[in-house]
Amino acid sequence: MLITHDTECALDVLVELLNTSPKAGGHEGLPDLAALRGFVVRREMSDVGQLTQGDLDAVRRLRQRFWDVLDASSTREAAELLNAMIARAGTTPRLTDHDGHDWHVHYFAPGAALADRLAAEAGIALSLVIVAGERDRLRHCEAPDCVRVFVDLSRNRSRRYCDSRTCGNRLHVAAYRARQRTAPPAEAERGVGVGS
């Protein structure tokens, strides 16, 4: 799947937003304005301005709408939800080259509310994934005790875990230990102590 840097960045923002949900982490990842500001800073979102409780509430509602897209039973349903979300955001595509970045497209108007900006950027990015027939690349982690989401951008769609260092490694270690418990003792395999 050919994906531009800007689309990949927008999908990364979407994944981080989704993973702030109590559905993903078991607790609210955006409990207050400081957490929302931290999200904005981590994602290097410029020209955001002063955030209010209204922004926090709007971002949480938007996050749920993105979960609805992720959980949609069909691509048609996901597309309808995305179309409505993008229309509500009032997208205004424009070329920009701010903060040392080369030319790229912003899909939100200057001064747009944070939720509208997220809906436009992440909504368009997810729409491009759907248009490419790759909706299944946005998926849940396969670790049995994890419900976080991620975007699998590997060539062969082989990624299974939200983070190979945590969930993936933990499951590999557990599988290794299970094999060790069921394997015959090493001495019996080598014949040590048998008939000597």
Protein backbone atom coordinates (compact mmCIF):
# COMPACT_ATOMS: atom_id res chain seq x y z
CA MET A 1 0.00 0.00 0.00
CA LEU A 2 1.44 3.36 -1.04
CA ILE A 3 0.85 5.87 1.71
CA THR A 4 2.19 9.42 1.98
CA HIS A 5 4.09 10.67 5.00
CA ASP A 6 1.24 13.06 5.89
CA THR A 7 -1.32 10.27 5.79
CA GLU A 8 0.87 8.07 7.95
CA CYS A 9 1.28 10.90 10.48
CA ALA A 10 -2.49 11.47 10.55
CA LEU A 11 -3.07 7.74 11.10
CA ASP A 12 -0.55 7.78 13.95
CA VAL A 13 -2.49 10.64 15.55
CA LEU A 14 -5.71 8.67 15.10
CA VAL A 15 -4.23 5.56 16.72
CA GLU A 16 -2.94 7.55 19.69
CA LEU A 17 -6.34 9.24 20.05
CA LEU A 18 -8.19 5.92 19.94
CA ASN A 19 -5.80 4.43 22.49
CA THR A 20 -6.58 7.19 25.00
CA SER A 21 -10.08 5.73 25.30
CA PRO A 22 -11.11 3.70 28.35
CA LYS A 23 -12.08 1.01 25.78
CA ALA A 24 -8.39 0.63 24.91
CA GLY A 25 -6.53 1.23 28.13
CA GLY A 26 -9.06 0.58 30.85
CA HIS A 27 -8.85 4.20 31.99
CA GLU A 28 -9.43 7.65 30.54
CA GLY A 29 -6.26 8.72 28.74
CA LEU A 30 -7.54 12.27 28.34
CA PRO A 31 -8.76 12.99 31.88
CA ASP A 32 -8.14 16.75 31.77
CA LEU A 33 -6.90 19.69 29.74
CA ALA A 34 -3.28 19.00 30.70
CA ALA A 35 -3.53 15.54 29.13
CA LEU A 36 -5.12 17.00 26.00
CA ARG A 37 -2.35 19.60 25.78
CA GLY A 38 0.22 16.80 26.19
CA PHE A 39 -1.42 14.94 23.30
CA VAL A 40 -1.18 18.06 21.12
CA VAL A 41 2.49 18.59 22.04
CA ARG A 42 3.46 14.92 21.48
CA ARG A 43 1.82 14.97 18.07
CA GLU A 44 3.53 18.30 17.23
CA MET A 45 0.27 19.96 16.23
CA SER A 46 0.94 23.62 15.44
CA ASP A 47 -1.45 26.57 15.74
CA VAL A 48 -3.78 24.88 18.23
CA GLY A 49 -4.20 27.82 20.60
CA GLN A 50 -5.80 27.84 24.03
CA LEU A 51 -7.72 24.66 24.85
CA THR A 52 -10.94 24.66 26.86
CA GLN A 53 -13.15 22.09 28.54
CA GLY A 54 -15.33 22.33 25.44
CA ASP A 55 -12.37 21.19 23.33
CA LEU A 56 -11.75 18.25 25.63
CA ASP A 57 -15.41 17.21 25.51
CA ALA A 58 -15.50 17.56 21.71
CA VAL A 59 -12.32 15.49 21.26
CA ARG A 60 -13.73 12.73 23.48
CA ARG A 61 -16.96 12.67 21.43
CA LEU A 62 -14.91 12.56 18.23
CA ARG A 63 -12.83 9.71 19.63
CA GLN A 64 -16.03 7.71 20.13
CA ARG A 65 -17.11 8.42 16.55
CA PHE A 66 -13.76 7.05 15.34
CA TRP A 67 -14.32 3.95 17.48
CA ASP A 68 -17.70 3.58 15.76
CA VAL A 69 -15.90 3.66 12.39
CA LEU A 70 -13.40 1.06 13.59
CA ASP A 71 -16.19 -1.19 14.90
CA ALA A 72 -18.43 -0.74 11.83
CA SER A 73 -19.75 -4.03 10.49
CA SER A 74 -19.09 -3.12 6.85
CA THR A 75 -17.00 -0.80 4.73
CA ARG A 76 -20.19 0.95 3.61
CA GLU A 77 -21.14 1.70 7.22
CA ALA A 78 -17.60 2.91 7.96
CA ALA A 79 -17.68 5.16 4.89
CA GLU A 80 -21.03 6.68 5.87
CA LEU A 81 -19.76 7.41 9.37
CA LEU A 82 -16.56 8.97 8.00
CA ASN A 83 -18.48 11.05 5.44
CA ALA A 84 -20.68 12.49 8.18
CA MET A 85 -17.69 13.18 10.44
CA ILE A 86 -15.69 14.92 7.71
CA ALA A 87 -18.71 16.98 6.61
CA ARG A 88 -19.32 18.13 10.21
CA ALA A 89 -15.67 19.21 10.45
CA GLY A 90 -16.10 21.54 7.48
CA THR A 91 -12.93 20.54 5.66
CA THR A 92 -11.02 23.24 3.83
CA PRO A 93 -8.07 21.70 1.96
CA ARG A 94 -5.09 24.02 1.53
CA LEU A 95 -1.39 23.73 0.77
CA THR A 96 1.02 24.77 3.50
CA ASP A 97 4.75 24.59 4.29
CA HIS A 98 4.91 25.60 7.96
CA ASP A 99 7.48 24.90 10.67
CA GLY A 100 10.20 23.71 8.30
CA HIS A 101 8.01 21.01 6.74
CA ASP A 102 7.85 20.74 2.96
CA TRP A 103 4.59 21.41 1.09
CA HIS A 104 1.68 19.31 2.29
CA VAL A 105 -2.11 19.54 2.52
CA HIS A 106 -4.05 20.52 5.61
CA TYR A 107 -7.71 19.61 5.45
CA PHE A 108 -8.86 22.05 8.11
CA ALA A 109 -9.33 25.79 8.07
CA PRO A 110 -6.84 27.99 9.93
CA GLY A 111 -8.02 28.43 13.50
CA ALA A 112 -10.28 25.35 13.39
CA ALA A 113 -11.25 23.79 16.70
CA LEU A 114 -9.05 20.85 17.70
CA ALA A 115 -11.83 18.28 17.26
CA ASP A 116 -12.63 19.60 13.77
CA ARG A 117 -8.96 19.50 12.87
CA LEU A 118 -8.64 15.90 14.09
CA ALA A 119 -11.85 14.88 12.31
CA ALA A 120 -10.65 16.38 9.05
CA GLU A 121 -7.03 15.15 9.09
CA ALA A 122 -7.57 11.69 10.58
CA GLY A 123 -10.90 11.26 8.78
CA ILE A 124 -9.34 11.96 5.38
CA ALA A 125 -6.37 9.68 6.17
CA LEU A 126 -8.68 6.84 7.17
CA SER A 127 -10.80 7.50 4.07
CA LEU A 128 -7.72 7.08 1.87
CA VAL A 129 -7.03 3.73 3.55
CA ILE A 130 -10.60 2.62 2.85
CA VAL A 131 -10.41 3.81 -0.78
CA ALA A 132 -7.28 1.68 -1.19
CA GLY A 133 -9.28 -1.34 0.01
CA GLU A 134 -7.13 -1.58 3.14
CA ARG A 135 -9.65 -0.98 5.94
CA ASP A 136 -8.45 -4.09 7.75
CA ARG A 137 -5.04 -2.45 8.34
CA LEU A 138 -6.59 -0.53 11.26
CA ARG A 139 -7.03 -3.33 13.76
CA HIS A 140 -7.02 -4.44 17.37
CA CYS A 141 -3.95 -5.92 19.01
CA GLU A 142 -4.09 -9.74 19.04
CA ALA A 143 -2.71 -10.05 22.57
CA PRO A 144 -5.57 -11.57 24.60
CA ASP A 145 -5.28 -8.98 27.38
CA CYS A 146 -4.94 -5.92 25.10
CA VAL A 147 -7.59 -4.02 23.17
CA ARG A 148 -5.39 -1.22 21.86
CA VAL A 149 -5.49 -0.44 18.15
CA PHE A 150 -2.78 0.09 15.58
CA VAL A 151 -2.32 0.58 11.85
CA ASP A 152 -0.47 -2.25 10.14
CA LEU A 153 1.61 -0.64 7.41
CA SER A 154 3.76 -3.72 6.82
CA ARG A 155 3.93 -4.91 3.21
CA ASN A 156 2.42 -8.29 3.93
CA ARG A 157 -0.05 -7.25 6.65
CA SER A 158 1.81 -9.40 9.16
CA ARG A 159 1.77 -7.13 12.19
CA ARG A 160 -0.26 -8.66 15.02
CA TYR A 161 0.46 -6.56 18.10
CA CYS A 162 0.17 -2.90 19.02
CA ASP A 163 3.77 -3.02 20.21
CA SER A 164 6.14 -5.90 19.53
CA ARG A 165 8.29 -4.96 22.54
CA THR A 166 5.43 -5.29 25.00
CA CYS A 167 2.46 -7.34 23.81
CA GLY A 168 4.36 -9.29 21.18
CA ASN A 169 7.35 -10.07 23.36
CA ARG A 170 5.15 -10.98 26.34
CA LEU A 171 3.22 -13.53 24.24
CA HIS A 172 6.38 -14.98 22.73
CA VAL A 173 7.88 -15.43 26.20
CA ALA A 174 4.65 -17.03 27.47
CA ALA A 175 4.60 -19.44 24.51
CA TYR A 176 8.26 -20.34 25.09
CA ARG A 177 7.61 -21.04 28.78
CA ALA A 178 4.57 -23.15 27.93
CA ARG A 179 6.68 -25.22 25.52
CA GLN A 180 9.33 -25.64 28.20
CA ARG A 181 6.75 -26.90 30.71
CA THR A 182 5.45 -29.55 28.31
CA ALA A 183 8.84 -30.64 26.95
CA PRO A 184 10.38 -33.81 28.40
CA PRO A 185 13.21 -33.26 30.88
CA ALA A 186 16.56 -32.70 29.18
CA GLU A 187 18.16 -35.71 30.87
CA ALA A 188 15.54 -38.09 29.53
CA GLU A 189 16.05 -36.72 26.01
CA ARG A 190 19.81 -37.36 26.15
CA GLY A 191 19.49 -40.73 27.90
CA VAL A 192 21.46 -39.57 30.93
CA GLY A 193 21.00 -41.91 33.88
CA VAL A 194 19.12 -44.52 31.85
CA GLY A 195 20.83 -47.92 32.03
CA SER A 196 24.20 -46.52 33.12
